[in-house]
Amino acid sequence: METLVRIAESLGRFSSRFVPSAFAIAVLLTLLTMALATGWAGAAPPAVLDAWGGGFWELLGFSMQMALVMFTGYLLALTGPVRALLERAARVPRTPRGAAAWMAFVSMALAYVNWGLSLVASAMLVRFMVKRRPDVDYRLLVACAYFGLGATGTRACPPPRRCWWPRRATSWRRAWACCPSTGRSSRPSTSASRWPWWRG
């Protein structure tokens, strides 16, 4: 455990010293994209700037959706019943390790309901838990609070599955059988649907 703590502290010092802020990374990636578009793809600089500026306005609908999710999640987390539940949840863990595991579990459970609620309510739960257990590492609890978003954000993407088509099937029929969005096998509505598709 002490070895993990030393590794985490060294990584934290490295990140705080050398890794730039999120805004600086966004600016650097923007400049890199513009340089690649003009130098490698051969696009004209005015066209690149026009695409860059127009791209912001295409994200207005998505930005409004994310803002509403965050706003409604914050209001829901501030209600009396939810606040009382968070205070009761902060009393459950008895040890520092149990507090970290419980924080991750609550964050994932809330993320299944609403990711905005998980983001806000988990942050509030961290505050309640630190007040009740000052011996818990605050940074670890914050990382566990964000764990729910990463663990449940990919839940809708099932693992790829094998498409059970006979070996004599052509490549386009095999490609048609595999649904890229779900990873499940489906037969096209052609004469191939009469084949014994259950045989590998």
N, C-alpha and C. Protein backbone atom coordinates (compact mmCIF):
# COMPACT_ATOMS: atom_id res chain seq x y z
N MET A 1 0.82 -1.20 0.00
CA MET A 1 0.00 0.00 0.00
C MET A 1 0.86 1.26 0.00
N GLU A 2 1.95 1.24 0.78
CA GLU A 2 2.83 2.40 0.81
C GLU A 2 3.51 2.62 -0.54
N THR A 3 3.81 1.52 -1.23
CA THR A 3 4.41 1.66 -2.56
C THR A 3 3.46 2.33 -3.53
N LEU A 4 2.19 1.95 -3.48
CA LEU A 4 1.19 2.60 -4.34
C LEU A 4 1.04 4.07 -4.01
N VAL A 5 1.10 4.40 -2.74
CA VAL A 5 1.00 5.80 -2.33
C VAL A 5 2.17 6.61 -2.88
N ARG A 6 3.38 6.04 -2.80
CA ARG A 6 4.54 6.75 -3.32
C ARG A 6 4.46 6.93 -4.83
N ILE A 7 3.99 5.90 -5.52
CA ILE A 7 3.84 6.01 -6.98
C ILE A 7 2.80 7.07 -7.34
N ALA A 8 1.69 7.06 -6.62
CA ALA A 8 0.64 8.05 -6.89
C ALA A 8 1.13 9.47 -6.61
N GLU A 9 1.87 9.65 -5.53
CA GLU A 9 2.38 10.98 -5.22
C GLU A 9 3.40 11.45 -6.25
N SER A 10 4.25 10.54 -6.73
CA SER A 10 5.21 10.93 -7.76
C SER A 10 4.53 11.29 -9.07
N LEU A 11 3.49 10.53 -9.44
CA LEU A 11 2.73 10.87 -10.64
C LEU A 11 1.99 12.19 -10.48
N GLY A 12 1.48 12.45 -9.29
CA GLY A 12 0.82 13.72 -9.04
C GLY A 12 1.77 14.90 -9.15
N ARG A 13 2.97 14.75 -8.60
CA ARG A 13 3.97 15.83 -8.73
C ARG A 13 4.38 16.05 -10.18
N PHE A 14 4.54 14.96 -10.92
CA PHE A 14 4.89 15.08 -12.34
C PHE A 14 3.79 15.79 -13.12
N SER A 15 2.53 15.41 -12.87
CA SER A 15 1.41 16.02 -13.59
C SER A 15 1.27 17.49 -13.27
N SER A 16 1.37 17.84 -11.99
CA SER A 16 1.23 19.24 -11.60
C SER A 16 2.37 20.11 -12.11
N ARG A 17 3.51 19.51 -12.38
CA ARG A 17 4.66 20.30 -12.83
C ARG A 17 4.77 20.40 -14.34
N PHE A 18 4.47 19.32 -15.06
CA PHE A 18 4.74 19.28 -16.49
C PHE A 18 3.48 19.25 -17.36
N VAL A 19 2.38 18.68 -16.88
CA VAL A 19 1.18 18.58 -17.70
C VAL A 19 0.46 19.92 -17.70
N PRO A 20 0.18 20.50 -18.87
CA PRO A 20 -0.50 21.79 -18.90
C PRO A 20 -1.97 21.66 -18.53
N SER A 21 -2.62 22.79 -18.43
CA SER A 21 -4.04 22.80 -18.08
C SER A 21 -4.89 22.30 -19.25
N ALA A 22 -6.15 22.05 -18.96
CA ALA A 22 -7.04 21.53 -20.00
C ALA A 22 -7.23 22.55 -21.13
N PHE A 23 -7.31 23.83 -20.78
CA PHE A 23 -7.46 24.86 -21.81
C PHE A 23 -6.23 24.95 -22.70
N ALA A 24 -5.05 24.83 -22.09
CA ALA A 24 -3.82 24.86 -22.88
C ALA A 24 -3.74 23.66 -23.82
N ILE A 25 -4.16 22.50 -23.35
CA ILE A 25 -4.17 21.32 -24.21
C ILE A 25 -5.14 21.51 -25.37
N ALA A 26 -6.30 22.10 -25.11
CA ALA A 26 -7.27 22.34 -26.18
C ALA A 26 -6.71 23.30 -27.22
N VAL A 27 -6.02 24.35 -26.78
CA VAL A 27 -5.43 25.31 -27.72
C VAL A 27 -4.33 24.64 -28.54
N LEU A 28 -3.49 23.84 -27.90
CA LEU A 28 -2.42 23.16 -28.62
C LEU A 28 -2.97 22.17 -29.64
N LEU A 29 -4.00 21.43 -29.27
CA LEU A 29 -4.61 20.50 -30.22
C LEU A 29 -5.28 21.24 -31.38
N THR A 30 -5.86 22.41 -31.10
CA THR A 30 -6.46 23.20 -32.17
C THR A 30 -5.41 23.67 -33.16
N LEU A 31 -4.29 24.18 -32.65
CA LEU A 31 -3.21 24.62 -33.54
C LEU A 31 -2.62 23.45 -34.32
N LEU A 32 -2.48 22.30 -33.67
CA LEU A 32 -1.96 21.13 -34.37
C LEU A 32 -2.91 20.68 -35.48
N THR A 33 -4.21 20.71 -35.20
CA THR A 33 -5.19 20.32 -36.22
C THR A 33 -5.17 21.28 -37.40
N MET A 34 -5.07 22.57 -37.13
CA MET A 34 -5.00 23.55 -38.21
C MET A 34 -3.73 23.37 -39.04
N ALA A 35 -2.62 23.09 -38.37
CA ALA A 35 -1.37 22.89 -39.10
C ALA A 35 -1.44 21.65 -39.98
N LEU A 36 -2.03 20.58 -39.48
CA LEU A 36 -2.17 19.37 -40.29
C LEU A 36 -3.14 19.57 -41.44
N ALA A 37 -4.20 20.33 -41.20
CA ALA A 37 -5.19 20.56 -42.26
C ALA A 37 -4.60 21.39 -43.40
N THR A 38 -3.80 22.39 -43.06
CA THR A 38 -3.21 23.24 -44.09
C THR A 38 -1.96 22.62 -44.72
N GLY A 39 -1.12 21.99 -43.91
CA GLY A 39 0.13 21.48 -44.43
C GLY A 39 0.04 20.10 -45.04
N TRP A 40 -0.71 19.20 -44.40
CA TRP A 40 -0.76 17.82 -44.88
C TRP A 40 -1.95 17.58 -45.80
N ALA A 41 -3.14 18.07 -45.41
CA ALA A 41 -4.33 17.86 -46.24
C ALA A 41 -4.43 18.86 -47.38
N GLY A 42 -3.67 19.95 -47.32
CA GLY A 42 -3.68 20.92 -48.41
C GLY A 42 -4.88 21.85 -48.42
N ALA A 43 -5.56 22.02 -47.30
CA ALA A 43 -6.71 22.92 -47.23
C ALA A 43 -6.24 24.36 -47.12
N ALA A 44 -7.04 25.25 -47.65
CA ALA A 44 -6.71 26.67 -47.59
C ALA A 44 -6.93 27.19 -46.17
N PRO A 45 -6.09 28.09 -45.68
CA PRO A 45 -6.28 28.63 -44.32
C PRO A 45 -7.64 29.27 -44.09
N PRO A 46 -8.20 30.06 -45.05
CA PRO A 46 -9.55 30.60 -44.79
C PRO A 46 -10.60 29.51 -44.63
N ALA A 47 -10.48 28.42 -45.40
CA ALA A 47 -11.44 27.33 -45.27
C ALA A 47 -11.30 26.62 -43.92
N VAL A 48 -10.06 26.49 -43.45
CA VAL A 48 -9.84 25.86 -42.15
C VAL A 48 -10.43 26.71 -41.03
N LEU A 49 -10.22 28.03 -41.11
CA LEU A 49 -10.78 28.92 -40.09
C LEU A 49 -12.30 28.93 -40.13
N ASP A 50 -12.87 28.87 -41.34
CA ASP A 50 -14.33 28.85 -41.46
C ASP A 50 -14.90 27.56 -40.87
N ALA A 51 -14.24 26.43 -41.13
CA ALA A 51 -14.70 25.16 -40.56
C ALA A 51 -14.53 25.15 -39.05
N TRP A 52 -13.45 25.75 -38.56
CA TRP A 52 -13.23 25.81 -37.12
C TRP A 52 -14.29 26.66 -36.42
N GLY A 53 -14.61 27.82 -37.00
CA GLY A 53 -15.62 28.67 -36.39
C GLY A 53 -17.02 28.10 -36.52
N GLY A 54 -17.33 27.48 -37.66
CA GLY A 54 -18.65 26.90 -37.83
C GLY A 54 -18.87 25.67 -36.99
N GLY A 55 -17.79 25.00 -36.62
CA GLY A 55 -17.94 23.80 -35.80
C GLY A 55 -18.48 24.09 -34.41
N PHE A 56 -18.19 25.27 -33.89
CA PHE A 56 -18.73 25.62 -32.57
C PHE A 56 -20.25 25.70 -32.59
N TRP A 57 -20.80 26.30 -33.64
CA TRP A 57 -22.24 26.49 -33.69
C TRP A 57 -22.97 25.19 -33.96
N GLU A 58 -22.30 24.22 -34.55
CA GLU A 58 -22.94 22.92 -34.74
C GLU A 58 -23.08 22.15 -33.43
N LEU A 59 -22.34 22.57 -32.41
CA LEU A 59 -22.39 21.89 -31.11
C LEU A 59 -23.32 22.58 -30.12
N LEU A 60 -24.10 23.56 -30.59
CA LEU A 60 -24.98 24.27 -29.66
C LEU A 60 -26.04 23.35 -29.06
N GLY A 61 -26.61 22.50 -29.88
CA GLY A 61 -27.62 21.58 -29.35
C GLY A 61 -27.05 20.63 -28.32
N PHE A 62 -25.87 20.09 -28.61
CA PHE A 62 -25.23 19.19 -27.65
C PHE A 62 -24.83 19.94 -26.38
N SER A 63 -24.35 21.17 -26.53
CA SER A 63 -23.95 21.96 -25.36
C SER A 63 -25.16 22.27 -24.47
N MET A 64 -26.30 22.58 -25.10
CA MET A 64 -27.51 22.84 -24.33
C MET A 64 -27.97 21.59 -23.60
N GLN A 65 -27.86 20.46 -24.24
CA GLN A 65 -28.24 19.20 -23.60
C GLN A 65 -27.36 18.92 -22.38
N MET A 66 -26.05 19.09 -22.52
CA MET A 66 -25.14 18.85 -21.40
C MET A 66 -25.38 19.85 -20.27
N ALA A 67 -25.68 21.11 -20.63
CA ALA A 67 -25.95 22.11 -19.60
C ALA A 67 -27.21 21.76 -18.82
N LEU A 68 -28.25 21.29 -19.51
CA LEU A 68 -29.47 20.90 -18.81
C LEU A 68 -29.25 19.69 -17.92
N VAL A 69 -28.43 18.75 -18.40
CA VAL A 69 -28.14 17.57 -17.58
C VAL A 69 -27.43 17.98 -16.29
N MET A 70 -26.43 18.85 -16.41
CA MET A 70 -25.70 19.31 -15.23
C MET A 70 -26.60 20.12 -14.31
N PHE A 71 -27.42 21.00 -14.88
CA PHE A 71 -28.27 21.87 -14.08
C PHE A 71 -29.32 21.07 -13.33
N THR A 72 -29.99 20.16 -14.03
CA THR A 72 -31.02 19.35 -13.36
C THR A 72 -30.40 18.38 -12.35
N GLY A 73 -29.23 17.86 -12.67
CA GLY A 73 -28.55 16.99 -11.70
C GLY A 73 -28.16 17.74 -10.44
N TYR A 74 -27.73 18.98 -10.60
CA TYR A 74 -27.37 19.80 -9.44
C TYR A 74 -28.59 20.12 -8.59
N LEU A 75 -29.71 20.47 -9.24
CA LEU A 75 -30.93 20.76 -8.48
C LEU A 75 -31.43 19.52 -7.75
N LEU A 76 -31.35 18.37 -8.41
CA LEU A 76 -31.81 17.14 -7.76
C LEU A 76 -30.93 16.77 -6.58
N ALA A 77 -29.63 17.02 -6.70
CA ALA A 77 -28.73 16.70 -5.59
C ALA A 77 -28.93 17.62 -4.40
N LEU A 78 -29.47 18.82 -4.63
CA LEU A 78 -29.68 19.77 -3.54
C LEU A 78 -31.01 19.59 -2.83
N THR A 79 -31.87 18.73 -3.33
CA THR A 79 -33.16 18.54 -2.67
C THR A 79 -32.97 17.85 -1.32
N GLY A 80 -33.96 18.03 -0.46
CA GLY A 80 -33.86 17.48 0.88
C GLY A 80 -33.73 15.97 0.94
N PRO A 81 -34.58 15.22 0.22
CA PRO A 81 -34.45 13.76 0.29
C PRO A 81 -33.11 13.23 -0.21
N VAL A 82 -32.62 13.79 -1.32
CA VAL A 82 -31.33 13.32 -1.84
C VAL A 82 -30.20 13.69 -0.90
N ARG A 83 -30.27 14.88 -0.33
CA ARG A 83 -29.23 15.29 0.62
C ARG A 83 -29.23 14.40 1.86
N ALA A 84 -30.43 14.04 2.33
CA ALA A 84 -30.51 13.13 3.49
C ALA A 84 -29.95 11.75 3.15
N LEU A 85 -30.23 11.28 1.94
CA LEU A 85 -29.68 9.99 1.53
C LEU A 85 -28.15 10.03 1.45
N LEU A 86 -27.62 11.14 0.96
CA LEU A 86 -26.16 11.25 0.88
C LEU A 86 -25.53 11.29 2.27
N GLU A 87 -26.18 11.98 3.20
CA GLU A 87 -25.65 12.01 4.56
C GLU A 87 -25.70 10.62 5.21
N ARG A 88 -26.75 9.87 4.93
CA ARG A 88 -26.81 8.50 5.46
C ARG A 88 -25.79 7.60 4.78
N ALA A 89 -25.58 7.83 3.48
CA ALA A 89 -24.58 7.02 2.77
C ALA A 89 -23.18 7.28 3.27
N ALA A 90 -22.92 8.49 3.76
CA ALA A 90 -21.59 8.80 4.28
C ALA A 90 -21.30 8.07 5.59
N ARG A 91 -22.32 7.57 6.27
CA ARG A 91 -22.11 6.85 7.52
C ARG A 91 -21.84 5.36 7.34
N VAL A 92 -21.97 4.86 6.13
CA VAL A 92 -21.85 3.41 5.90
C VAL A 92 -20.43 2.91 6.07
N PRO A 93 -19.42 3.49 5.41
CA PRO A 93 -18.06 2.91 5.52
C PRO A 93 -17.47 3.06 6.91
N ARG A 94 -16.70 2.06 7.31
CA ARG A 94 -16.06 2.05 8.63
C ARG A 94 -14.55 2.20 8.55
N THR A 95 -13.97 1.95 7.39
CA THR A 95 -12.52 2.03 7.23
C THR A 95 -12.20 2.92 6.03
N PRO A 96 -10.97 3.40 5.92
CA PRO A 96 -10.61 4.20 4.74
C PRO A 96 -10.75 3.43 3.43
N ARG A 97 -10.35 2.17 3.42
CA ARG A 97 -10.52 1.38 2.20
C ARG A 97 -11.99 1.17 1.87
N GLY A 98 -12.79 0.93 2.90
CA GLY A 98 -14.21 0.79 2.67
C GLY A 98 -14.84 2.07 2.16
N ALA A 99 -14.32 3.22 2.61
CA ALA A 99 -14.84 4.50 2.13
C ALA A 99 -14.56 4.68 0.65
N ALA A 100 -13.36 4.30 0.20
CA ALA A 100 -13.03 4.42 -1.23
C ALA A 100 -13.89 3.49 -2.07
N ALA A 101 -14.05 2.25 -1.62
CA ALA A 101 -14.88 1.30 -2.37
C ALA A 101 -16.34 1.72 -2.38
N TRP A 102 -16.83 2.21 -1.25
CA TRP A 102 -18.22 2.66 -1.18
C TRP A 102 -18.45 3.88 -2.05
N MET A 103 -17.47 4.77 -2.11
CA MET A 103 -17.58 5.96 -2.95
C MET A 103 -17.68 5.58 -4.42
N ALA A 104 -16.87 4.63 -4.86
CA ALA A 104 -16.92 4.18 -6.25
C ALA A 104 -18.25 3.50 -6.56
N PHE A 105 -18.76 2.70 -5.62
CA PHE A 105 -20.03 2.01 -5.84
C PHE A 105 -21.18 2.99 -5.95
N VAL A 106 -21.24 3.96 -5.05
CA VAL A 106 -22.32 4.95 -5.10
C VAL A 106 -22.24 5.77 -6.38
N SER A 107 -21.03 6.13 -6.79
CA SER A 107 -20.87 6.90 -8.02
C SER A 107 -21.36 6.13 -9.23
N MET A 108 -21.05 4.84 -9.30
CA MET A 108 -21.53 4.03 -10.43
C MET A 108 -23.04 3.86 -10.38
N ALA A 109 -23.60 3.66 -9.19
CA ALA A 109 -25.04 3.48 -9.08
C ALA A 109 -25.78 4.75 -9.51
N LEU A 110 -25.27 5.91 -9.12
CA LEU A 110 -25.90 7.16 -9.53
C LEU A 110 -25.73 7.42 -11.01
N ALA A 111 -24.59 7.01 -11.58
CA ALA A 111 -24.36 7.23 -13.01
C ALA A 111 -25.32 6.43 -13.87
N TYR A 112 -25.80 5.29 -13.38
CA TYR A 112 -26.79 4.53 -14.13
C TYR A 112 -28.12 5.28 -14.19
N VAL A 113 -28.40 6.10 -13.19
CA VAL A 113 -29.63 6.89 -13.19
C VAL A 113 -29.45 8.13 -14.06
N ASN A 114 -28.40 8.89 -13.79
CA ASN A 114 -28.13 10.12 -14.53
C ASN A 114 -26.68 10.51 -14.29
N TRP A 115 -25.94 10.74 -15.36
CA TRP A 115 -24.52 11.03 -15.18
C TRP A 115 -24.32 12.40 -14.54
N GLY A 116 -25.22 13.36 -14.80
CA GLY A 116 -25.12 14.65 -14.14
C GLY A 116 -25.37 14.54 -12.64
N LEU A 117 -26.35 13.71 -12.27
CA LEU A 117 -26.60 13.47 -10.85
C LEU A 117 -25.40 12.81 -10.19
N SER A 118 -24.77 11.86 -10.89
CA SER A 118 -23.59 11.22 -10.33
C SER A 118 -22.45 12.20 -10.16
N LEU A 119 -22.27 13.10 -11.11
CA LEU A 119 -21.18 14.06 -11.04
C LEU A 119 -21.34 15.00 -9.85
N VAL A 120 -22.56 15.48 -9.63
CA VAL A 120 -22.80 16.46 -8.57
C VAL A 120 -22.97 15.77 -7.21
N ALA A 121 -23.79 14.73 -7.17
CA ALA A 121 -24.05 14.06 -5.90
C ALA A 121 -22.81 13.37 -5.35
N SER A 122 -21.97 12.83 -6.23
CA SER A 122 -20.74 12.20 -5.75
C SER A 122 -19.80 13.22 -5.13
N ALA A 123 -19.75 14.42 -5.72
CA ALA A 123 -18.92 15.47 -5.13
C ALA A 123 -19.43 15.88 -3.75
N MET A 124 -20.76 15.95 -3.60
CA MET A 124 -21.32 16.28 -2.30
C MET A 124 -21.08 15.15 -1.30
N LEU A 125 -21.16 13.91 -1.77
CA LEU A 125 -20.90 12.78 -0.88
C LEU A 125 -19.45 12.77 -0.41
N VAL A 126 -18.53 13.20 -1.25
CA VAL A 126 -17.13 13.30 -0.83
C VAL A 126 -16.99 14.26 0.34
N ARG A 127 -17.68 15.39 0.28
CA ARG A 127 -17.61 16.37 1.37
C ARG A 127 -18.17 15.78 2.66
N PHE A 128 -19.31 15.11 2.57
CA PHE A 128 -19.90 14.52 3.76
C PHE A 128 -19.01 13.42 4.34
N MET A 129 -18.40 12.63 3.46
CA MET A 129 -17.59 11.52 3.92
C MET A 129 -16.29 12.00 4.57
N VAL A 130 -15.71 13.06 4.03
CA VAL A 130 -14.48 13.59 4.61
C VAL A 130 -14.75 14.20 5.99
N LYS A 131 -15.92 14.80 6.17
CA LYS A 131 -16.26 15.35 7.48
C LYS A 131 -16.40 14.25 8.53
N ARG A 132 -16.95 13.11 8.11
CA ARG A 132 -17.14 12.01 9.06
C ARG A 132 -15.87 11.20 9.26
N ARG A 133 -15.03 11.11 8.22
CA ARG A 133 -13.80 10.33 8.31
C ARG A 133 -12.64 11.18 7.79
N PRO A 134 -12.03 11.98 8.65
CA PRO A 134 -10.91 12.81 8.21
C PRO A 134 -9.66 12.02 7.85
N ASP A 135 -9.60 10.74 8.24
CA ASP A 135 -8.41 9.94 7.94
C ASP A 135 -8.38 9.43 6.51
N VAL A 136 -9.45 9.64 5.74
CA VAL A 136 -9.49 9.18 4.35
C VAL A 136 -8.81 10.21 3.46
N ASP A 137 -8.05 9.72 2.49
CA ASP A 137 -7.38 10.62 1.54
C ASP A 137 -8.43 11.29 0.66
N TYR A 138 -8.46 12.60 0.70
CA TYR A 138 -9.46 13.36 -0.04
C TYR A 138 -9.28 13.17 -1.55
N ARG A 139 -8.04 13.09 -2.01
CA ARG A 139 -7.78 12.93 -3.44
C ARG A 139 -8.27 11.58 -3.95
N LEU A 140 -8.13 10.55 -3.12
CA LEU A 140 -8.61 9.23 -3.51
C LEU A 140 -10.13 9.21 -3.63
N LEU A 141 -10.80 9.87 -2.71
CA LEU A 141 -12.26 9.91 -2.78
C LEU A 141 -12.74 10.67 -4.02
N VAL A 142 -12.05 11.74 -4.38
CA VAL A 142 -12.42 12.48 -5.59
C VAL A 142 -12.25 11.61 -6.83
N ALA A 143 -11.15 10.85 -6.88
CA ALA A 143 -10.94 9.94 -8.01
C ALA A 143 -12.03 8.87 -8.06
N CYS A 144 -12.42 8.35 -6.92
CA CYS A 144 -13.49 7.35 -6.87
C CYS A 144 -14.83 7.96 -7.26
N ALA A 145 -15.02 9.24 -6.95
CA ALA A 145 -16.27 9.90 -7.33
C ALA A 145 -16.41 10.02 -8.84
N TYR A 146 -15.31 10.20 -9.55
CA TYR A 146 -15.34 10.26 -11.00
C TYR A 146 -15.30 8.87 -11.64
N PHE A 147 -15.08 7.85 -10.83
CA PHE A 147 -14.99 6.50 -11.36
C PHE A 147 -16.29 6.04 -11.99
N GLY A 148 -17.42 6.51 -11.46
CA GLY A 148 -18.70 6.08 -12.00
C GLY A 148 -18.92 6.50 -13.43
N LEU A 149 -18.43 7.69 -13.80
CA LEU A 149 -18.61 8.15 -15.16
C LEU A 149 -17.80 7.30 -16.13
N GLY A 150 -16.59 6.95 -15.76
CA GLY A 150 -15.77 6.14 -16.65
C GLY A 150 -16.20 4.69 -16.72
N ALA A 151 -16.73 4.17 -15.62
CA ALA A 151 -17.11 2.75 -15.59
C ALA A 151 -18.45 2.50 -16.26
N THR A 152 -19.35 3.47 -16.23
CA THR A 152 -20.67 3.27 -16.81
C THR A 152 -20.85 3.96 -18.14
N GLY A 153 -19.91 4.80 -18.55
CA GLY A 153 -20.06 5.48 -19.84
C GLY A 153 -19.95 4.55 -21.02
N THR A 154 -19.21 3.45 -20.87
CA THR A 154 -19.06 2.49 -21.95
C THR A 154 -19.97 1.29 -21.77
N ARG A 155 -20.91 1.36 -20.86
CA ARG A 155 -21.78 0.21 -20.60
C ARG A 155 -22.67 -0.10 -21.80
N ALA A 156 -23.01 0.92 -22.58
CA ALA A 156 -23.91 0.69 -23.71
C ALA A 156 -23.21 0.03 -24.89
N CYS A 157 -21.90 -0.14 -24.85
CA CYS A 157 -21.16 -0.74 -25.95
C CYS A 157 -20.82 -2.18 -25.59
N PRO A 158 -21.57 -3.15 -26.07
CA PRO A 158 -21.27 -4.54 -25.72
C PRO A 158 -20.02 -5.01 -26.44
N PRO A 159 -19.37 -6.05 -25.95
CA PRO A 159 -18.19 -6.56 -26.63
C PRO A 159 -18.54 -7.16 -27.97
N PRO A 160 -17.63 -7.14 -28.93
CA PRO A 160 -17.93 -7.72 -30.25
C PRO A 160 -18.12 -9.22 -30.16
N ARG A 161 -18.98 -9.72 -30.98
CA ARG A 161 -19.28 -11.14 -31.01
C ARG A 161 -19.00 -11.69 -32.40
N ARG A 162 -18.82 -12.99 -32.46
CA ARG A 162 -18.54 -13.63 -33.73
C ARG A 162 -19.82 -13.75 -34.54
N CYS A 163 -19.69 -13.49 -35.84
CA CYS A 163 -20.84 -13.62 -36.74
C CYS A 163 -20.85 -15.04 -37.29
N TRP A 164 -21.88 -15.79 -36.96
CA TRP A 164 -21.94 -17.20 -37.35
C TRP A 164 -22.52 -17.33 -38.75
N TRP A 165 -21.61 -17.34 -39.74
CA TRP A 165 -22.01 -17.54 -41.13
C TRP A 165 -21.16 -18.66 -41.71
N PRO A 166 -21.69 -19.40 -42.67
CA PRO A 166 -20.92 -20.51 -43.26
C PRO A 166 -19.69 -20.01 -43.98
N ARG A 167 -18.73 -20.87 -44.14
CA ARG A 167 -17.46 -20.48 -44.76
C ARG A 167 -17.62 -20.10 -46.22
N ARG A 168 -18.66 -20.60 -46.89
CA ARG A 168 -18.83 -20.28 -48.30
C ARG A 168 -19.48 -18.91 -48.51
N ALA A 169 -19.89 -18.26 -47.43
CA ALA A 169 -20.49 -16.94 -47.57
C ALA A 169 -19.45 -15.94 -48.03
N THR A 170 -19.86 -15.04 -48.91
CA THR A 170 -18.95 -14.04 -49.44
C THR A 170 -18.63 -13.01 -48.38
N SER A 171 -17.60 -12.21 -48.67
CA SER A 171 -17.15 -11.23 -47.68
C SER A 171 -18.20 -10.18 -47.41
N TRP A 172 -18.93 -9.75 -48.46
CA TRP A 172 -19.93 -8.71 -48.22
C TRP A 172 -21.08 -9.24 -47.38
N ARG A 173 -21.38 -10.53 -47.51
CA ARG A 173 -22.44 -11.10 -46.67
C ARG A 173 -21.99 -11.19 -45.22
N ARG A 174 -20.70 -11.50 -45.01
CA ARG A 174 -20.19 -11.52 -43.64
C ARG A 174 -20.22 -10.13 -43.04
N ALA A 175 -19.83 -9.13 -43.83
CA ALA A 175 -19.84 -7.76 -43.33
C ALA A 175 -21.25 -7.29 -43.04
N TRP A 176 -22.21 -7.70 -43.89
CA TRP A 176 -23.60 -7.31 -43.68
C TRP A 176 -24.17 -7.96 -42.42
N ALA A 177 -23.67 -9.14 -42.10
CA ALA A 177 -24.22 -9.86 -40.96
C ALA A 177 -23.84 -9.22 -39.64
N CYS A 178 -22.67 -8.59 -39.57
CA CYS A 178 -22.19 -8.01 -38.32
C CYS A 178 -22.73 -6.60 -38.18
N CYS A 179 -23.49 -6.38 -37.16
CA CYS A 179 -24.00 -5.04 -36.90
C CYS A 179 -22.96 -4.25 -36.13
N PRO A 180 -22.39 -3.17 -36.67
CA PRO A 180 -21.31 -2.46 -35.97
C PRO A 180 -21.76 -1.75 -34.72
N SER A 181 -23.05 -1.45 -34.61
CA SER A 181 -23.50 -0.68 -33.45
C SER A 181 -23.75 -1.56 -32.22
N THR A 182 -24.14 -2.79 -32.44
CA THR A 182 -24.44 -3.66 -31.31
C THR A 182 -23.51 -4.85 -31.19
N GLY A 183 -22.79 -5.16 -32.28
CA GLY A 183 -21.91 -6.31 -32.23
C GLY A 183 -22.61 -7.64 -32.36
N ARG A 184 -23.91 -7.63 -32.58
CA ARG A 184 -24.67 -8.86 -32.71
C ARG A 184 -24.75 -9.27 -34.18
N SER A 185 -24.98 -10.53 -34.39
CA SER A 185 -25.07 -11.05 -35.75
C SER A 185 -26.52 -11.02 -36.19
N SER A 186 -26.73 -10.58 -37.42
CA SER A 186 -28.07 -10.53 -37.98
C SER A 186 -28.00 -10.96 -39.43
N ARG A 187 -29.02 -11.64 -39.92
CA ARG A 187 -29.01 -12.15 -41.27
C ARG A 187 -29.69 -11.16 -42.20
N PRO A 188 -29.15 -10.92 -43.40
CA PRO A 188 -29.82 -10.05 -44.36
C PRO A 188 -31.05 -10.72 -44.93
N SER A 189 -31.96 -9.92 -45.40
CA SER A 189 -33.21 -10.44 -45.95
C SER A 189 -33.01 -10.85 -47.40
N THR A 190 -32.17 -11.84 -47.65
CA THR A 190 -31.92 -12.39 -48.98
C THR A 190 -32.06 -13.89 -48.90
N SER A 191 -31.68 -14.53 -49.99
CA SER A 191 -31.73 -15.99 -49.98
C SER A 191 -30.76 -16.60 -49.00
N ALA A 192 -29.77 -15.79 -48.58
CA ALA A 192 -28.80 -16.31 -47.60
C ALA A 192 -29.44 -16.57 -46.26
N SER A 193 -30.65 -16.00 -46.02
CA SER A 193 -31.29 -16.22 -44.74
C SER A 193 -31.76 -17.66 -44.58
N ARG A 194 -31.82 -18.42 -45.70
CA ARG A 194 -32.22 -19.82 -45.61
C ARG A 194 -31.05 -20.73 -45.28
N TRP A 195 -29.85 -20.16 -45.25
CA TRP A 195 -28.67 -20.99 -44.98
C TRP A 195 -28.66 -21.42 -43.52
N PRO A 196 -27.96 -22.49 -43.25
CA PRO A 196 -27.79 -22.90 -41.83
C PRO A 196 -26.80 -21.98 -41.13
N TRP A 197 -27.27 -20.80 -40.78
CA TRP A 197 -26.37 -19.77 -40.26
C TRP A 197 -25.84 -20.12 -38.87
N TRP A 198 -26.47 -21.11 -38.21
CA TRP A 198 -25.99 -21.45 -36.87
C TRP A 198 -24.73 -22.31 -36.91
N ARG A 199 -24.35 -22.79 -38.09
CA ARG A 199 -23.15 -23.60 -38.21
C ARG A 199 -21.95 -22.69 -38.49
N GLY A 200 -20.88 -22.87 -37.75
CA GLY A 200 -19.71 -22.03 -37.90
C GLY A 200 -18.95 -22.30 -39.18
